[in-house]
């Protein structure tokens, strides 16, 4: 599914050049569950942003589902991102003025889905994530766990082939964070590719495969013991 070759991403800070990604080669197959770990500044979030087509590498090639996406236009990348990738972030990224239902509906509107079909799909998604009674609540009226469930419902409403999660439990207590991870892992068990960036060793160890980043490079790539 994901094939990266020689991916480099540079950031310039004054006269200093930072190699956020330094000639990274990586393959992730359909349906894998991968955690990406490493210290702050190791390149793990930059790697996730490149995989998610939120950031363009300075050099190298990225092939997604057999299609070279590195040099596509922003509009073409946005279309592929919308169709194939769902995002879950630490800070939820919900629109404050919209209700839970309206936040979940946003990707369907952007995909030009018929309004009647949108209503049905949103209701189904809210029910699946135990949010039906919070449909008309705005983010400020929801708990952290509820907001993250809304974010996951929004990320999966178009049934993407991959979920990319950047510190998805970072703003949650341990109990609620475990519940969120269970939701994400249930999606993986249904066939979705799941890639999680985390600094939490316990969370990272839940994955089937663990990638350790250091100084913009893959320091270790190992299969985890079967649970």
C-alpha atoms as a PDB file:
ATOM      1  CA  UNK A   1       0.000   0.000   0.000  1.00  0.00           C
ATOM      2  CA  UNK A   2       2.627   2.549   1.161  1.00  0.00           C
ATOM      3  CA  UNK A   3       6.031   2.586  -0.504  1.00  0.00           C
ATOM      4  CA  UNK A   4       8.547   5.321   0.365  1.00  0.00           C
ATOM      5  CA  UNK A   5      11.925   5.539  -1.333  1.00  0.00           C
ATOM      6  CA  UNK A   6      14.650   7.989  -0.328  1.00  0.00           C
ATOM      7  CA  UNK A   7      12.249  10.426   1.325  1.00  0.00           C
ATOM      8  CA  UNK A   8      13.972  13.559   2.596  1.00  0.00           C
ATOM      9  CA  UNK A   9      12.323  16.541   4.291  1.00  0.00           C
ATOM     10  CA  UNK A  10      14.358  19.606   5.216  1.00  0.00           C
ATOM     11  CA  UNK A  11      13.473  22.532   7.469  1.00  0.00           C
ATOM     12  CA  UNK A  12      15.532  25.707   7.613  1.00  0.00           C
ATOM     13  CA  UNK A  13      16.002  27.534  10.921  1.00  0.00           C
ATOM     14  CA  UNK A  14      18.136  30.583  10.269  1.00  0.00           C
ATOM     15  CA  UNK A  15      21.398  29.273   8.837  1.00  0.00           C
ATOM     16  CA  UNK A  16      20.768  25.767  10.150  1.00  0.00           C
ATOM     17  CA  UNK A  17      19.234  22.996   8.018  1.00  0.00           C
ATOM     18  CA  UNK A  18      17.300  20.310   9.889  1.00  0.00           C
ATOM     19  CA  UNK A  19      16.903  16.897   8.279  1.00  0.00           C
ATOM     20  CA  UNK A  20      13.457  16.027   9.632  1.00  0.00           C
ATOM     21  CA  UNK A  21      13.523  12.993   7.331  1.00  0.00           C
ATOM     22  CA  UNK A  22      16.824  11.743   5.963  1.00  0.00           C
ATOM     23  CA  UNK A  23      16.524   9.357   2.979  1.00  0.00           C
ATOM     24  CA  UNK A  24      13.797   7.202   4.508  1.00  0.00           C
ATOM     25  CA  UNK A  25      12.811   3.926   2.832  1.00  0.00           C
ATOM     26  CA  UNK A  26       9.636   2.306   4.130  1.00  0.00           C
ATOM     27  CA  UNK A  27       6.992  -0.196   3.024  1.00  0.00           C
ATOM     28  CA  UNK A  28       3.697  -0.695   4.847  1.00  0.00           C
ATOM     29  CA  UNK A  29       1.278  -3.314   3.532  1.00  0.00           C
ATOM     30  CA  UNK A  30      -2.490  -3.142   3.467  1.00  0.00           C
ATOM     31  CA  UNK A  31      -4.017  -4.020   6.835  1.00  0.00           C
ATOM     32  CA  UNK A  32      -0.869  -3.593   8.940  1.00  0.00           C
ATOM     33  CA  UNK A  33      -0.919  -2.103  12.448  1.00  0.00           C
ATOM     34  CA  UNK A  34       2.230  -0.007  12.894  1.00  0.00           C
ATOM     35  CA  UNK A  35       3.424   2.241  15.708  1.00  0.00           C
ATOM     36  CA  UNK A  36       6.039   4.933  15.008  1.00  0.00           C
ATOM     37  CA  UNK A  37       8.071   5.949  18.044  1.00  0.00           C
ATOM     38  CA  UNK A  38      11.074   8.053  18.917  1.00  0.00           C
ATOM     39  CA  UNK A  39      12.132  11.106  20.912  1.00  0.00           C
ATOM     40  CA  UNK A  40      10.855  14.600  20.194  1.00  0.00           C
ATOM     41  CA  UNK A  41      12.349  15.860  16.936  1.00  0.00           C
ATOM     42  CA  UNK A  42      13.120  12.372  15.629  1.00  0.00           C
ATOM     43  CA  UNK A  43      10.904  12.837  12.546  1.00  0.00           C
ATOM     44  CA  UNK A  44       7.967  10.616  13.465  1.00  0.00           C
ATOM     45  CA  UNK A  45       5.243  13.253  12.997  1.00  0.00           C
ATOM     46  CA  UNK A  46       6.886  14.515   9.810  1.00  0.00           C
ATOM     47  CA  UNK A  47       6.852  10.951   8.492  1.00  0.00           C
ATOM     48  CA  UNK A  48       3.141  10.662   9.291  1.00  0.00           C
ATOM     49  CA  UNK A  49       2.431  13.991   7.556  1.00  0.00           C
ATOM     50  CA  UNK A  50       4.249  12.848   4.416  1.00  0.00           C
ATOM     51  CA  UNK A  51       2.389   9.534   4.395  1.00  0.00           C
ATOM     52  CA  UNK A  52      -0.877  11.440   4.869  1.00  0.00           C
ATOM     53  CA  UNK A  53      -0.103  13.880   2.030  1.00  0.00           C
ATOM     54  CA  UNK A  54      -0.184  16.797   4.454  1.00  0.00           C
ATOM     55  CA  UNK A  55       3.449  17.595   3.676  1.00  0.00           C
ATOM     56  CA  UNK A  56       5.603  17.217   0.571  1.00  0.00           C
ATOM     57  CA  UNK A  57       9.095  15.740   0.754  1.00  0.00           C
ATOM     58  CA  UNK A  58      12.016  17.681  -0.697  1.00  0.00           C
ATOM     59  CA  UNK A  59      13.224  14.560  -2.482  1.00  0.00           C
ATOM     60  CA  UNK A  60      12.384  10.902  -2.863  1.00  0.00           C
ATOM     61  CA  UNK A  61       9.332   9.041  -4.130  1.00  0.00           C
ATOM     62  CA  UNK A  62       6.041   8.061  -2.494  1.00  0.00           C
ATOM     63  CA  UNK A  63       3.799   5.416  -4.018  1.00  0.00           C
ATOM     64  CA  UNK A  64       0.335   4.883  -2.519  1.00  0.00           C
ATOM     65  CA  UNK A  65      -1.786   1.942  -3.669  1.00  0.00           C
ATOM     66  CA  UNK A  66       0.361   1.605  -6.780  1.00  0.00           C
ATOM     67  CA  UNK A  67       0.089   5.298  -7.726  1.00  0.00           C
ATOM     68  CA  UNK A  68       3.032   7.711  -7.590  1.00  0.00           C
ATOM     69  CA  UNK A  69       1.729  10.635  -5.523  1.00  0.00           C
ATOM     70  CA  UNK A  70       4.886  12.634  -4.832  1.00  0.00           C
ATOM     71  CA  UNK A  71       4.479  15.184  -7.612  1.00  0.00           C
ATOM     72  CA  UNK A  72       0.690  15.365  -7.900  1.00  0.00           C
ATOM     73  CA  UNK A  73      -1.011  18.744  -7.686  1.00  0.00           C
ATOM     74  CA  UNK A  74      -2.431  19.878  -4.351  1.00  0.00           C
ATOM     75  CA  UNK A  75      -5.960  19.275  -5.657  1.00  0.00           C
ATOM     76  CA  UNK A  76      -5.125  15.707  -6.727  1.00  0.00           C
ATOM     77  CA  UNK A  77      -3.409  14.990  -3.412  1.00  0.00           C
ATOM     78  CA  UNK A  78      -6.418  16.391  -1.526  1.00  0.00           C
ATOM     79  CA  UNK A  79      -8.732  14.054  -3.442  1.00  0.00           C
ATOM     80  CA  UNK A  80      -6.592  10.992  -2.693  1.00  0.00           C
ATOM     81  CA  UNK A  81      -6.253  12.062   0.935  1.00  0.00           C
ATOM     82  CA  UNK A  82     -10.028  12.418   1.242  1.00  0.00           C
ATOM     83  CA  UNK A  83     -10.720   9.032  -0.367  1.00  0.00           C
ATOM     84  CA  UNK A  84      -8.013   6.885   1.187  1.00  0.00           C
ATOM     85  CA  UNK A  85      -6.799   8.391   4.475  1.00  0.00           C
ATOM     86  CA  UNK A  86      -8.429   9.258   7.783  1.00  0.00           C
ATOM     87  CA  UNK A  87      -6.648  11.392  10.376  1.00  0.00           C
ATOM     88  CA  UNK A  88      -6.881  11.365  14.169  1.00  0.00           C
ATOM     89  CA  UNK A  89      -4.899  13.990  16.091  1.00  0.00           C
ATOM     90  CA  UNK A  90      -4.035  14.632  19.728  1.00  0.00           C
ATOM     91  CA  UNK A  91      -5.906  17.964  19.739  1.00  0.00           C
ATOM     92  CA  UNK A  92      -8.999  16.555  17.964  1.00  0.00           C
ATOM     93  CA  UNK A  93      -9.186  19.336  15.298  1.00  0.00           C
ATOM     94  CA  UNK A  94     -12.953  19.640  15.527  1.00  0.00           C
ATOM     95  CA  UNK A  95     -14.702  22.787  14.271  1.00  0.00           C
ATOM     96  CA  UNK A  96     -15.843  24.558  17.484  1.00  0.00           C
ATOM     97  CA  UNK A  97     -19.007  26.132  16.058  1.00  0.00           C
ATOM     98  CA  UNK A  98     -20.291  22.860  14.576  1.00  0.00           C
ATOM     99  CA  UNK A  99     -22.168  20.131  16.426  1.00  0.00           C
ATOM    100  CA  UNK A 100     -20.810  16.599  16.709  1.00  0.00           C
ATOM    101  CA  UNK A 101     -23.082  15.513  13.847  1.00  0.00           C
ATOM    102  CA  UNK A 102     -21.975  18.431  11.672  1.00  0.00           C
ATOM    103  CA  UNK A 103     -18.295  17.705  12.330  1.00  0.00           C
ATOM    104  CA  UNK A 104     -18.774  14.076  11.311  1.00  0.00           C
ATOM    105  CA  UNK A 105     -20.690  15.182   8.201  1.00  0.00           C
ATOM    106  CA  UNK A 106     -17.928  17.472   6.903  1.00  0.00           C
ATOM    107  CA  UNK A 107     -16.027  14.862   4.821  1.00  0.00           C
ATOM    108  CA  UNK A 108     -19.303  13.775   3.214  1.00  0.00           C
ATOM    109  CA  UNK A 109     -20.057  17.355   2.189  1.00  0.00           C
ATOM    110  CA  UNK A 110     -16.575  17.743   0.696  1.00  0.00           C
ATOM    111  CA  UNK A 111     -17.091  14.473  -1.188  1.00  0.00           C
ATOM    112  CA  UNK A 112     -20.395  15.814  -2.575  1.00  0.00           C
ATOM    113  CA  UNK A 113     -22.477  13.009  -1.072  1.00  0.00           C
ATOM    114  CA  UNK A 114     -26.257  13.382  -1.414  1.00  0.00           C
ATOM    115  CA  UNK A 115     -27.809  15.088   1.678  1.00  0.00           C
ATOM    116  CA  UNK A 116     -30.198  12.207   2.431  1.00  0.00           C
ATOM    117  CA  UNK A 117     -27.363   9.691   2.268  1.00  0.00           C
ATOM    118  CA  UNK A 118     -25.254  12.001   4.451  1.00  0.00           C
ATOM    119  CA  UNK A 119     -27.904  12.052   7.170  1.00  0.00           C
ATOM    120  CA  UNK A 120     -28.152   8.265   7.257  1.00  0.00           C
ATOM    121  CA  UNK A 121     -24.396   7.728   7.310  1.00  0.00           C
ATOM    122  CA  UNK A 122     -23.850  10.311  10.053  1.00  0.00           C
ATOM    123  CA  UNK A 123     -26.546   8.717  12.215  1.00  0.00           C
ATOM    124  CA  UNK A 124     -24.964   5.302  11.711  1.00  0.00           C
ATOM    125  CA  UNK A 125     -21.506   6.619  12.570  1.00  0.00           C
ATOM    126  CA  UNK A 126     -22.676   8.388  15.727  1.00  0.00           C
ATOM    127  CA  UNK A 127     -24.493   5.248  16.832  1.00  0.00           C
ATOM    128  CA  UNK A 128     -21.432   3.075  16.158  1.00  0.00           C
ATOM    129  CA  UNK A 129     -19.289   5.311  18.387  1.00  0.00           C
ATOM    130  CA  UNK A 130     -21.944   5.666  21.125  1.00  0.00           C
ATOM    131  CA  UNK A 131     -22.505   9.359  20.361  1.00  0.00           C
ATOM    132  CA  UNK A 132     -26.154   9.454  19.329  1.00  0.00           C
ATOM    133  CA  UNK A 133     -27.138  11.383  22.458  1.00  0.00           C
ATOM    134  CA  UNK A 134     -24.370  13.917  21.797  1.00  0.00           C
ATOM    135  CA  UNK A 135     -25.201  14.584  18.135  1.00  0.00           C
ATOM    136  CA  UNK A 136     -26.287  18.184  18.698  1.00  0.00           C
ATOM    137  CA  UNK A 137     -23.579  19.076  21.211  1.00  0.00           C
ATOM    138  CA  UNK A 138     -20.658  21.284  20.193  1.00  0.00           C
ATOM    139  CA  UNK A 139     -17.064  20.261  21.053  1.00  0.00           C
ATOM    140  CA  UNK A 140     -16.926  22.527  24.124  1.00  0.00           C
ATOM    141  CA  UNK A 141     -19.878  20.578  25.535  1.00  0.00           C
ATOM    142  CA  UNK A 142     -18.160  17.193  25.132  1.00  0.00           C
ATOM    143  CA  UNK A 143     -15.600  15.378  27.248  1.00  0.00           C
ATOM    144  CA  UNK A 144     -12.143  14.677  25.868  1.00  0.00           C
ATOM    145  CA  UNK A 145     -13.042  11.066  25.143  1.00  0.00           C
ATOM    146  CA  UNK A 146     -16.252  12.088  23.392  1.00  0.00           C
ATOM    147  CA  UNK A 147     -14.384  14.629  21.268  1.00  0.00           C
ATOM    148  CA  UNK A 148     -11.866  12.004  20.216  1.00  0.00           C
ATOM    149  CA  UNK A 149     -14.688   9.607  19.327  1.00  0.00           C
ATOM    150  CA  UNK A 150     -16.245  12.337  17.183  1.00  0.00           C
ATOM    151  CA  UNK A 151     -12.835  12.816  15.525  1.00  0.00           C
ATOM    152  CA  UNK A 152     -12.556   9.073  14.832  1.00  0.00           C
ATOM    153  CA  UNK A 153     -16.117   8.955  13.468  1.00  0.00           C
ATOM    154  CA  UNK A 154     -15.255  11.845  11.156  1.00  0.00           C
ATOM    155  CA  UNK A 155     -11.979  10.197  10.105  1.00  0.00           C
ATOM    156  CA  UNK A 156     -13.733   6.957   9.161  1.00  0.00           C
ATOM    157  CA  UNK A 157     -17.023   8.215   7.676  1.00  0.00           C
ATOM    158  CA  UNK A 158     -15.702   7.784   4.112  1.00  0.00           C
ATOM    159  CA  UNK A 159     -14.321   4.333   4.929  1.00  0.00           C
ATOM    160  CA  UNK A 160     -10.641   5.093   4.207  1.00  0.00           C
ATOM    161  CA  UNK A 161      -8.137   2.318   3.678  1.00  0.00           C
ATOM    162  CA  UNK A 162      -5.748   3.799   6.270  1.00  0.00           C
ATOM    163  CA  UNK A 163      -6.087   5.618   9.589  1.00  0.00           C
ATOM    164  CA  UNK A 164      -3.158   7.819  10.643  1.00  0.00           C
ATOM    165  CA  UNK A 165      -3.196   8.760  14.325  1.00  0.00           C
ATOM    166  CA  UNK A 166      -0.759  11.279  15.843  1.00  0.00           C
ATOM    167  CA  UNK A 167      -0.636  10.885  19.649  1.00  0.00           C
ATOM    168  CA  UNK A 168      -4.363   9.992  19.681  1.00  0.00           C
ATOM    169  CA  UNK A 169      -4.457   9.501  23.461  1.00  0.00           C
ATOM    170  CA  UNK A 170      -2.144  12.380  24.380  1.00  0.00           C
ATOM    171  CA  UNK A 171      -4.895  14.570  25.873  1.00  0.00           C
ATOM    172  CA  UNK A 172      -6.789  11.733  27.556  1.00  0.00           C
ATOM    173  CA  UNK A 173      -6.456   9.928  30.868  1.00  0.00           C
ATOM    174  CA  UNK A 174      -5.361   6.293  30.829  1.00  0.00           C
ATOM    175  CA  UNK A 175      -8.839   4.759  31.012  1.00  0.00           C
ATOM    176  CA  UNK A 176     -10.326   6.894  28.240  1.00  0.00           C
ATOM    177  CA  UNK A 177      -7.136   6.547  26.195  1.00  0.00           C
ATOM    178  CA  UNK A 178      -7.442   2.760  26.384  1.00  0.00           C
ATOM    179  CA  UNK A 179     -11.055   3.002  25.184  1.00  0.00           C
ATOM    180  CA  UNK A 180      -9.956   5.133  22.225  1.00  0.00           C
ATOM    181  CA  UNK A 181      -7.202   2.668  21.349  1.00  0.00           C
ATOM    182  CA  UNK A 182      -9.716  -0.173  21.445  1.00  0.00           C
ATOM    183  CA  UNK A 183     -11.900   1.721  18.949  1.00  0.00           C
ATOM    184  CA  UNK A 184      -8.934   2.225  16.622  1.00  0.00           C
ATOM    185  CA  UNK A 185      -7.842  -1.398  16.950  1.00  0.00           C
ATOM    186  CA  UNK A 186     -11.371  -2.582  16.162  1.00  0.00           C
ATOM    187  CA  UNK A 187     -11.140  -0.609  12.917  1.00  0.00           C
ATOM    188  CA  UNK A 188      -7.828  -2.321  12.181  1.00  0.00           C
ATOM    189  CA  UNK A 189      -9.367  -5.728  12.814  1.00  0.00           C
ATOM    190  CA  UNK A 190     -11.975  -4.928  10.169  1.00  0.00           C
ATOM    191  CA  UNK A 191      -9.156  -4.504   7.620  1.00  0.00           C
ATOM    192  CA  UNK A 192      -8.083  -0.869   7.964  1.00  0.00           C
ATOM    193  CA  UNK A 193      -4.369  -0.060   7.914  1.00  0.00           C
ATOM    194  CA  UNK A 194      -3.536   1.641  11.239  1.00  0.00           C
ATOM    195  CA  UNK A 195      -0.431   3.801  11.757  1.00  0.00           C
ATOM    196  CA  UNK A 196       0.024   5.445  15.143  1.00  0.00           C
ATOM    197  CA  UNK A 197       2.682   7.965  16.179  1.00  0.00           C
ATOM    198  CA  UNK A 198       3.300   7.886  19.920  1.00  0.00           C
ATOM    199  CA  UNK A 199       5.906   8.446  22.599  1.00  0.00           C
ATOM    200  CA  UNK A 200       4.034   6.091  24.938  1.00  0.00           C
ATOM    201  CA  UNK A 201       5.879   2.766  25.143  1.00  0.00           C
ATOM    202  CA  UNK A 202       2.833   0.848  26.391  1.00  0.00           C
ATOM    203  CA  UNK A 203       0.723   2.156  23.511  1.00  0.00           C
ATOM    204  CA  UNK A 204       3.471   1.518  20.951  1.00  0.00           C
ATOM    205  CA  UNK A 205       3.884  -2.057  22.132  1.00  0.00           C
ATOM    206  CA  UNK A 206       0.244  -2.818  21.251  1.00  0.00           C
ATOM    207  CA  UNK A 207       1.040  -2.639  17.515  1.00  0.00           C
ATOM    208  CA  UNK A 208       2.027  -5.596  15.340  1.00  0.00           C
ATOM    209  CA  UNK A 209       5.037  -3.722  14.030  1.00  0.00           C
ATOM    210  CA  UNK A 210       7.127  -1.009  15.683  1.00  0.00           C
ATOM    211  CA  UNK A 211       9.273   1.585  13.920  1.00  0.00           C
ATOM    212  CA  UNK A 212      11.762   3.619  15.959  1.00  0.00           C
ATOM    213  CA  UNK A 213      12.877   6.985  14.527  1.00  0.00           C
ATOM    214  CA  UNK A 214      16.087   8.831  15.400  1.00  0.00           C
ATOM    215  CA  UNK A 215      17.466  11.963  13.749  1.00  0.00           C
ATOM    216  CA  UNK A 216      15.144  11.672  10.777  1.00  0.00           C
ATOM    217  CA  UNK A 217      16.048   8.047  10.060  1.00  0.00           C
ATOM    218  CA  UNK A 218      14.485   4.674  10.792  1.00  0.00           C
ATOM    219  CA  UNK A 219      16.672   3.355  13.588  1.00  0.00           C
ATOM    220  CA  UNK A 220      14.744   0.117  14.099  1.00  0.00           C
ATOM    221  CA  UNK A 221      11.880  -1.688  12.363  1.00  0.00           C
ATOM    222  CA  UNK A 222      10.709  -4.798  14.174  1.00  0.00           C
ATOM    223  CA  UNK A 223       7.771  -7.181  14.284  1.00  0.00           C
ATOM    224  CA  UNK A 224       6.174  -7.445  17.685  1.00  0.00           C
ATOM    225  CA  UNK A 225       5.414 -10.831  19.329  1.00  0.00           C
ATOM    226  CA  UNK A 226       1.917 -12.138  18.646  1.00  0.00           C
ATOM    227  CA  UNK A 227      -0.458 -11.386  21.507  1.00  0.00           C
END
